[in-house]
Each structure stands twice: as structure tokens, then as C-alpha cells.
Amino acid sequence: MTLQEMLEKSVWGRQLGAAQLQHVIQQARERPVAAGQPMVRNGELAEHWIGLISGFGKMSIWSADGRETALIGTAPGGWFGEGTLIKRGRWQYDAVALRDTRLALIPRETFEWLRANSLPFNHYLQQLMSARMGFFIAQLCNDRLLDSTARVARSLAGLYNPELYPEPGLFLDLRQAEVAQLAGVSRQRANAALQVLEDAGLLQVGRRGIEVLSLQGLRDYASPG
């Protein structure tokens, strides 16, 4: 998928007028990020609204003693950074590419132009920010109650939030090491968790990725109690 195709097919892009969309296409830029490299760095000034054309990423924060807390995964078609841009702030987290990734960058000026000129775009931002806040609240409430298997189930189910990402399909092109990074657990625990979930009939692990057999089952497994 090209940068232009990604913008044209995005939920918010389809709601723009033809002239508005063309303006965004002209201003947008693509940036490749190699696996393991930062998409954004904590403390840097946010200059772009960022979407994933392809690849996978992870947002996380680090404690003073070097412990990482995974916040949320980022999948193709997803966008992030709107809250930081609106506040004209600096990134409060690190975002790293889990594999070779292509980013769509919307400059701050273009982002603000859209906010000033498109009511549907503002409605989209409200829905996006509300969905992300809901995800974070649920994660905060449940994190201490979930074991590693439930964390893996939650991370996979989280990729099916239609307000955060387009429908990814029931086959996830994810390696087991990437699942571990998304869930914030060791690779060994991620592999064991995937085996438990596979034995429960919720997914099937293949050589090329993971096939989700029961999305609701994953969501239920990730719910404490």
C-alpha cells in the first residue's frame, strides 16, 4: 500500500472533501523505520501525527530502575500522537518498530489545519482519543490481576478495536517474539501463553503468524474474574 492509498482509505480521510484530502496528501511524508529502531523518543517535541502504513510498533514507558511497561501496540492503519500534538507537547513515551515499518507523517501544521477546517475530522479525533483512553483505563484496572497468558490474550484482542485500527482480519502476521514484546512478557512466557490459548481453541499458531479462532474468547480470557 502506498502512502496516498493509506490516506485515501483511512476512516478520517474518507470523510474529507476532495480538496482537503488532496492538501493532506501533498503535505504528508513517508518514513521507513527498521525493526528495533525508535518511531518516537520520550522527551522529543512532537512534530507529526503518525500512522502505520505497514509493520508493527509498540508504545512503552521505562521506570527509573530500567523496567519497561508496555502500553499499547500499533498496527497498520492505526494513528497515534494526536493528544500530544493538541497539547503542543513532547512525547511522554517511547514507540519502537517491532519489525521494518513504514510510517505516514502528517505535519503539525497540517494536523492543526484539519482541526480548524473539518468537523468530521474533529469527530474522528474525539472517538479515537476516547477509545484509547478506554483501553488504558481497562489496562490500568486489570494489569495487576492478569497473568502472562491473559496479558497475551489482551494484547491480541486489542488489535481488533475498530476505533483504533481497521479490521485486521482473523489472521495476524505476528511472530511469537513480537507477541512477547506487545504483551510485555518474556518470549518463553509468550510461547507458553500461546500454547494455552491454542489448546483452549481460541487461536492457532502457524509458521507465518497467528489465526484467531475466537475473538470473543480472547476478550473473555483477558477479563479478570
Protein backbone atom coordinates (compact mmCIF):
# COMPACT_ATOMS: atom_id res chain seq x y z
CA MET A 1 0.00 0.00 0.00
CA THR A 2 1.29 3.45 -0.87
CA LEU A 3 1.14 6.49 1.37
CA GLN A 4 -1.59 8.02 -0.78
CA GLU A 5 -3.67 4.83 -0.73
CA MET A 6 -3.36 4.64 3.05
CA LEU A 7 -4.59 8.22 3.44
CA GLU A 8 -7.45 7.74 0.98
CA LYS A 9 -8.63 4.55 2.71
CA SER A 10 -8.32 5.85 6.27
CA VAL A 11 -11.54 6.39 8.22
CA TRP A 12 -10.91 10.12 8.56
CA GLY A 13 -9.58 10.53 5.01
CA ARG A 14 -12.83 9.20 3.54
CA GLN A 15 -14.70 11.92 5.44
CA LEU A 16 -12.72 14.82 3.97
CA GLY A 17 -13.68 16.83 0.94
CA ALA A 18 -11.68 16.18 -2.24
CA ALA A 19 -9.68 19.41 -1.92
CA GLN A 20 -8.99 18.79 1.77
CA LEU A 21 -7.76 15.26 1.12
CA GLN A 22 -5.53 16.44 -1.71
CA HIS A 23 -3.98 19.05 0.57
CA VAL A 24 -3.19 16.38 3.16
CA ILE A 25 -1.69 14.07 0.52
CA GLN A 26 0.58 16.88 -0.69
CA GLN A 27 1.83 17.62 2.83
CA ALA A 28 2.20 14.07 4.14
CA ARG A 29 5.51 12.24 4.09
CA GLU A 30 6.57 8.61 4.46
CA ARG A 31 9.39 7.47 6.75
CA PRO A 32 10.79 3.94 6.96
CA VAL A 33 11.84 2.65 10.38
CA ALA A 34 13.93 -0.50 10.73
CA ALA A 35 12.98 -3.19 13.24
CA GLY A 36 14.11 -2.26 16.74
CA GLN A 37 14.52 1.42 15.91
CA PRO A 38 12.51 4.24 17.52
CA MET A 39 9.45 5.70 15.85
CA VAL A 40 9.34 8.42 18.52
CA ARG A 41 11.50 9.07 21.59
CA ASN A 42 10.35 10.09 25.03
CA GLY A 43 11.10 13.77 25.61
CA GLU A 44 11.31 14.81 21.96
CA LEU A 45 8.98 17.52 20.68
CA ALA A 46 6.05 16.04 18.74
CA GLU A 47 6.06 17.44 15.21
CA HIS A 48 3.84 14.93 13.36
CA TRP A 49 0.67 12.91 13.67
CA ILE A 50 1.80 9.37 12.90
CA GLY A 51 0.12 6.45 11.17
CA LEU A 52 1.35 2.98 10.24
CA ILE A 53 1.26 2.08 6.57
CA SER A 54 2.82 -1.32 7.27
CA GLY A 55 4.65 -3.09 10.07
CA PHE A 56 4.00 -3.18 13.80
CA GLY A 57 5.06 -1.00 16.69
CA LYS A 58 4.82 -0.75 20.45
CA MET A 59 4.48 2.17 22.84
CA SER A 60 6.10 1.79 26.24
CA ILE A 61 7.47 3.69 29.22
CA TRP A 62 10.52 2.94 31.34
CA SER A 63 10.90 3.20 35.11
CA ALA A 64 13.94 4.73 36.82
CA ASP A 65 15.31 1.23 37.51
CA GLY A 66 15.08 0.23 33.85
CA ARG A 67 11.85 -1.76 33.87
CA GLU A 68 9.67 -1.46 30.79
CA THR A 69 5.88 -1.19 30.85
CA ALA A 70 4.19 -1.89 27.51
CA LEU A 71 1.29 0.50 26.91
CA ILE A 72 -0.29 -0.47 23.60
CA GLY A 73 0.56 -1.96 20.24
CA THR A 74 0.28 -0.06 16.97
CA ALA A 75 -0.89 -1.89 13.85
CA PRO A 76 -1.25 -0.95 10.17
CA GLY A 77 -3.93 1.68 9.68
CA GLY A 78 -3.61 2.96 13.24
CA TRP A 79 -2.73 6.54 14.18
CA PHE A 80 -1.18 7.98 17.32
CA GLY A 81 0.13 11.22 18.78
CA GLU A 82 -2.98 13.38 18.45
CA GLY A 83 -3.16 14.20 22.15
CA THR A 84 0.48 15.26 22.30
CA LEU A 85 0.09 17.42 19.19
CA ILE A 86 -3.02 19.13 20.54
CA LYS A 87 -1.11 19.99 23.72
CA ARG A 88 1.92 21.07 21.65
CA GLY A 89 3.91 18.82 23.92
CA ARG A 90 6.72 16.34 23.96
CA TRP A 91 6.38 12.59 23.66
CA GLN A 92 5.71 11.01 27.05
CA TYR A 93 6.59 7.51 25.88
CA ASP A 94 8.84 5.61 23.51
CA ALA A 95 7.44 3.97 20.39
CA VAL A 96 9.58 1.28 18.75
CA ALA A 97 9.15 -0.62 15.49
CA LEU A 98 8.82 -4.35 16.15
CA ARG A 99 9.65 -5.05 12.51
CA ASP A 100 10.54 -2.99 9.45
CA THR A 101 7.79 -0.38 9.44
CA ARG A 102 6.60 2.40 7.15
CA LEU A 103 5.17 5.49 8.81
CA ALA A 104 2.83 8.14 7.44
CA LEU A 105 3.72 11.54 8.87
CA ILE A 106 1.20 14.39 8.95
CA PRO A 107 2.97 17.65 9.90
CA ARG A 108 1.71 19.53 12.94
CA GLU A 109 0.63 22.46 10.74
CA THR A 110 -1.46 20.19 8.51
CA PHE A 111 -2.95 18.45 11.55
CA GLU A 112 -3.99 21.82 13.01
CA TRP A 113 -5.35 22.89 9.62
CA LEU A 114 -7.56 19.80 9.58
CA ARG A 115 -8.80 20.54 13.09
CA ALA A 116 -9.69 24.08 12.03
CA ASN A 117 -11.37 23.14 8.76
CA SER A 118 -13.03 19.73 9.12
CA LEU A 119 -15.77 18.93 11.63
CA PRO A 120 -15.77 15.21 10.69
CA PHE A 121 -12.02 15.10 11.38
CA ASN A 122 -12.61 16.53 14.86
CA HIS A 123 -15.32 13.95 15.50
CA TYR A 124 -12.89 11.23 14.44
CA LEU A 125 -10.25 12.54 16.84
CA GLN A 126 -12.74 12.55 19.71
CA GLN A 127 -13.69 8.93 19.03
CA LEU A 128 -10.04 7.91 18.68
CA MET A 129 -8.96 9.57 21.91
CA SER A 130 -11.97 8.18 23.78
CA ALA A 131 -11.23 4.65 22.57
CA ARG A 132 -7.57 4.91 23.54
CA MET A 133 -8.45 6.28 26.97
CA GLY A 134 -10.89 3.42 27.48
CA PHE A 135 -8.17 0.93 26.58
CA PHE A 136 -5.70 2.49 29.00
CA ILE A 137 -8.22 2.61 31.85
CA ALA A 138 -9.09 -1.06 31.37
CA GLN A 139 -5.39 -1.90 31.23
CA LEU A 140 -4.67 0.04 34.41
CA CYS A 141 -7.55 -1.62 36.25
CA ASN A 142 -6.72 -5.13 35.10
CA ASP A 143 -2.94 -5.19 34.76
CA ARG A 144 -2.15 -6.39 38.28
CA LEU A 145 -4.88 -9.02 38.08
CA LEU A 146 -3.77 -10.67 34.84
CA ASP A 147 -1.25 -13.46 34.43
CA SER A 148 1.02 -13.68 31.39
CA THR A 149 -1.49 -15.74 29.36
CA ALA A 150 -4.25 -13.19 29.95
CA ARG A 151 -1.86 -10.38 29.01
CA VAL A 152 -1.10 -12.07 25.71
CA ALA A 153 -4.83 -12.57 25.09
CA ARG A 154 -5.47 -8.90 25.88
CA SER A 155 -2.70 -7.71 23.56
CA LEU A 156 -4.01 -9.77 20.65
CA ALA A 157 -7.64 -8.81 21.27
CA GLY A 158 -6.60 -5.16 21.48
CA LEU A 159 -5.58 -5.25 17.82
CA TYR A 160 -9.27 -5.73 16.96
CA ASN A 161 -10.52 -2.44 18.38
CA PRO A 162 -12.22 -0.93 15.29
CA GLU A 163 -11.87 2.61 16.68
CA LEU A 164 -8.10 2.24 16.93
CA TYR A 165 -7.33 0.09 13.89
CA PRO A 166 -9.11 -1.02 10.71
CA GLU A 167 -10.24 -4.63 10.70
CA PRO A 168 -7.02 -6.67 10.53
CA GLY A 169 -8.67 -9.93 9.54
CA LEU A 170 -8.58 -13.11 11.58
CA PHE A 171 -5.01 -13.90 10.52
CA LEU A 172 -2.38 -11.83 12.33
CA ASP A 173 1.01 -11.60 10.67
CA LEU A 174 2.78 -11.62 14.03
CA ARG A 175 5.85 -13.57 15.12
CA GLN A 176 5.91 -15.06 18.59
CA ALA A 177 8.75 -12.72 19.59
CA GLU A 178 6.60 -9.75 18.56
CA VAL A 179 3.70 -11.06 20.64
CA ALA A 180 6.03 -11.16 23.64
CA GLN A 181 7.04 -7.54 23.08
CA LEU A 182 3.44 -6.40 22.64
CA ALA A 183 2.35 -8.11 25.84
CA GLY A 184 5.38 -7.06 27.86
CA VAL A 185 6.33 -10.61 28.84
CA SER A 186 9.32 -12.81 28.13
CA ARG A 187 9.42 -14.79 24.91
CA GLN A 188 9.25 -18.04 26.88
CA ARG A 189 6.10 -16.92 28.70
CA ALA A 190 4.57 -15.67 25.46
CA ASN A 191 5.19 -19.03 23.79
CA ALA A 192 3.65 -20.85 26.76
CA ALA A 193 0.67 -18.47 26.74
CA LEU A 194 0.06 -19.00 23.04
CA GLN A 195 0.09 -22.76 23.62
CA VAL A 196 -2.51 -22.39 26.38
CA LEU A 197 -4.71 -20.22 24.17
CA GLU A 198 -4.28 -22.63 21.27
CA ASP A 199 -5.23 -25.59 23.48
CA ALA A 200 -8.33 -23.64 24.52
CA GLY A 201 -9.36 -23.35 20.87
CA LEU A 202 -9.02 -19.56 20.76
CA LEU A 203 -6.25 -19.33 18.18
CA GLN A 204 -3.92 -21.36 16.04
CA VAL A 205 -0.20 -20.66 15.81
CA GLY A 206 1.36 -21.24 12.40
CA ARG A 207 4.74 -20.69 10.84
CA ARG A 208 3.61 -17.44 9.22
CA GLY A 209 1.54 -15.97 12.03
CA ILE A 210 -1.48 -16.45 14.26
CA GLU A 211 -5.03 -17.26 13.22
CA VAL A 212 -7.65 -16.03 15.66
CA LEU A 213 -10.41 -18.62 16.01
CA SER A 214 -12.47 -16.87 18.70
CA LEU A 215 -12.06 -13.13 19.18
CA GLN A 216 -14.69 -13.05 21.91
CA GLY A 217 -12.92 -15.92 23.61
CA LEU A 218 -9.69 -13.90 23.71
CA ARG A 219 -11.55 -10.92 25.14
CA ASP A 220 -13.20 -13.09 27.79
CA TYR A 221 -9.87 -14.67 28.70
CA ALA A 222 -8.36 -11.21 29.19
CA SER A 223 -11.14 -10.16 31.58
CA PRO A 224 -10.32 -10.89 35.23
CA GLY A 225 -12.88 -12.84 37.17
